[in-house]
Amino acid sequence: MNINCVDNCRLSKFTGKKLLTLSRYKPYRYTMWRGETDDGLYIVVKYKRGFLYVGIGDTEMGAEASMNTVGTTDDVLSLFNPLELSTQDVLDFLEWDIDENNILDW
């Protein structure tokens, strides 16, 4: 799926990370990913109704508190038929590197 950048300056804070782990799960009406970088930071990604949010912090709560909107998809206009965003879409958009054996994709 095509993800459009909202703000290049904001996006640059999150791109190019090396991840140790990444897990995807789907609470009601949105998709979330949680992971950890090789330098010990926590990453939280949320995709809801066409908006992609990312946060990074020393703790998971800190990562959630620092979430920023970094991208949008065509799903913004589709409230009744939401589109799926795959883990690979997120990895490609954020230019993250991770061993595929360390991805838990529910």
Protein backbone atom coordinates (compact mmCIF):
# COMPACT_ATOMS: atom_id res chain seq x y z
CA MET A 1 0.00 0.00 0.00
CA ASN A 2 1.19 3.51 -0.71
CA ILE A 3 1.96 5.59 2.39
CA ASN A 4 2.31 9.34 1.94
CA CYS A 5 4.74 11.32 4.11
CA VAL A 6 3.14 14.05 6.24
CA ASP A 7 6.33 15.88 7.26
CA ASN A 8 9.87 14.92 6.14
CA CYS A 9 11.50 16.56 9.17
CA ARG A 10 9.26 14.63 11.59
CA LEU A 11 9.66 11.40 9.61
CA SER A 12 13.47 11.63 9.66
CA LYS A 13 13.46 11.11 13.46
CA PHE A 14 12.08 7.59 12.94
CA THR A 15 13.65 6.28 9.73
CA GLY A 16 16.68 4.08 9.27
CA LYS A 17 16.49 2.23 12.59
CA LYS A 18 17.86 -1.26 13.20
CA LEU A 19 15.22 -3.27 15.09
CA LEU A 20 15.82 -6.28 17.29
CA THR A 21 12.14 -7.25 17.60
CA LEU A 22 8.82 -6.21 16.11
CA SER A 23 5.36 -7.58 16.88
CA ARG A 24 2.06 -6.71 15.23
CA TYR A 25 -1.37 -7.07 16.75
CA LYS A 26 -4.85 -5.78 16.00
CA PRO A 27 -6.96 -4.37 18.80
CA TYR A 28 -10.44 -3.30 17.73
CA ARG A 29 -10.43 -0.87 14.76
CA TYR A 30 -6.69 -0.28 14.44
CA THR A 31 -3.34 -2.04 14.05
CA MET A 32 -0.30 -1.64 16.31
CA TRP A 33 3.31 -2.69 16.19
CA ARG A 34 5.71 -2.70 19.13
CA GLY A 35 9.43 -3.19 18.89
CA GLU A 36 12.86 -2.50 20.29
CA THR A 37 15.86 -0.97 18.54
CA ASP A 38 19.42 -2.21 18.76
CA ASP A 39 20.28 0.77 20.98
CA GLY A 40 17.64 -0.12 23.59
CA LEU A 41 14.82 2.23 22.61
CA TYR A 42 11.19 1.17 22.37
CA ILE A 43 9.14 1.84 19.25
CA VAL A 44 5.36 1.96 18.98
CA VAL A 45 3.55 2.26 15.64
CA LYS A 46 -0.21 2.70 15.27
CA TYR A 47 -2.28 2.67 12.08
CA LYS A 48 -5.85 3.87 12.37
CA ARG A 49 -8.24 5.10 9.66
CA GLY A 50 -5.54 6.04 7.21
CA PHE A 51 -3.11 7.69 9.64
CA LEU A 52 0.26 6.21 10.65
CA TYR A 53 1.67 7.29 14.02
CA VAL A 54 5.15 6.47 15.40
CA GLY A 55 6.71 7.04 18.81
CA ILE A 56 10.14 6.26 20.25
CA GLY A 57 11.18 6.33 23.89
CA ASP A 58 13.20 4.81 26.72
CA THR A 59 10.05 2.97 27.86
CA GLU A 60 6.96 1.71 26.05
CA MET A 61 4.85 4.31 27.84
CA GLY A 62 7.33 6.99 26.79
CA ALA A 63 7.15 5.79 23.19
CA GLU A 64 3.34 5.94 23.24
CA ALA A 65 3.39 9.42 24.79
CA SER A 66 5.72 10.71 22.05
CA MET A 67 3.70 9.45 19.06
CA ASN A 68 3.64 11.67 15.97
CA THR A 69 1.69 11.42 12.73
CA VAL A 70 4.21 10.52 10.03
CA GLY A 71 2.08 9.24 7.16
CA THR A 72 -1.32 8.85 5.59
CA THR A 73 -2.85 6.39 3.17
CA ASP A 74 -5.83 6.49 0.85
CA ASP A 75 -7.80 4.94 3.73
CA VAL A 76 -8.36 8.43 5.22
CA LEU A 77 -11.51 8.76 3.11
CA SER A 78 -12.68 5.17 3.59
CA LEU A 79 -14.42 5.01 6.99
CA PHE A 80 -16.63 2.02 6.24
CA ASN A 81 -14.19 -0.21 4.36
CA PRO A 82 -10.79 0.17 6.07
CA LEU A 83 -7.67 -0.90 4.22
CA GLU A 84 -5.03 -3.19 5.72
CA LEU A 85 -1.48 -2.02 6.25
CA SER A 86 1.08 -4.82 6.34
CA THR A 87 4.19 -5.07 8.46
CA GLN A 88 6.26 -4.96 5.28
CA ASP A 89 4.55 -1.68 4.27
CA VAL A 90 5.62 -0.14 7.59
CA LEU A 91 9.17 -1.51 7.35
CA ASP A 92 9.57 -0.17 3.80
CA PHE A 93 8.11 3.27 4.56
CA LEU A 94 10.22 3.78 7.69
CA GLU A 95 13.31 2.14 6.12
CA TRP A 96 13.78 -0.16 9.11
CA ASP A 97 16.13 -3.12 9.09
CA ILE A 98 15.21 -6.29 11.00
CA ASP A 99 15.90 -10.01 10.77
CA GLU A 100 12.64 -11.54 9.50
CA ASN A 101 12.88 -14.26 12.18
CA ASN A 102 12.40 -11.53 14.83
CA ILE A 103 9.02 -10.38 13.46
CA LEU A 104 5.87 -11.63 15.13
CA ASP A 105 3.04 -10.86 12.71
CA TRP A 106 -0.40 -11.84 14.07
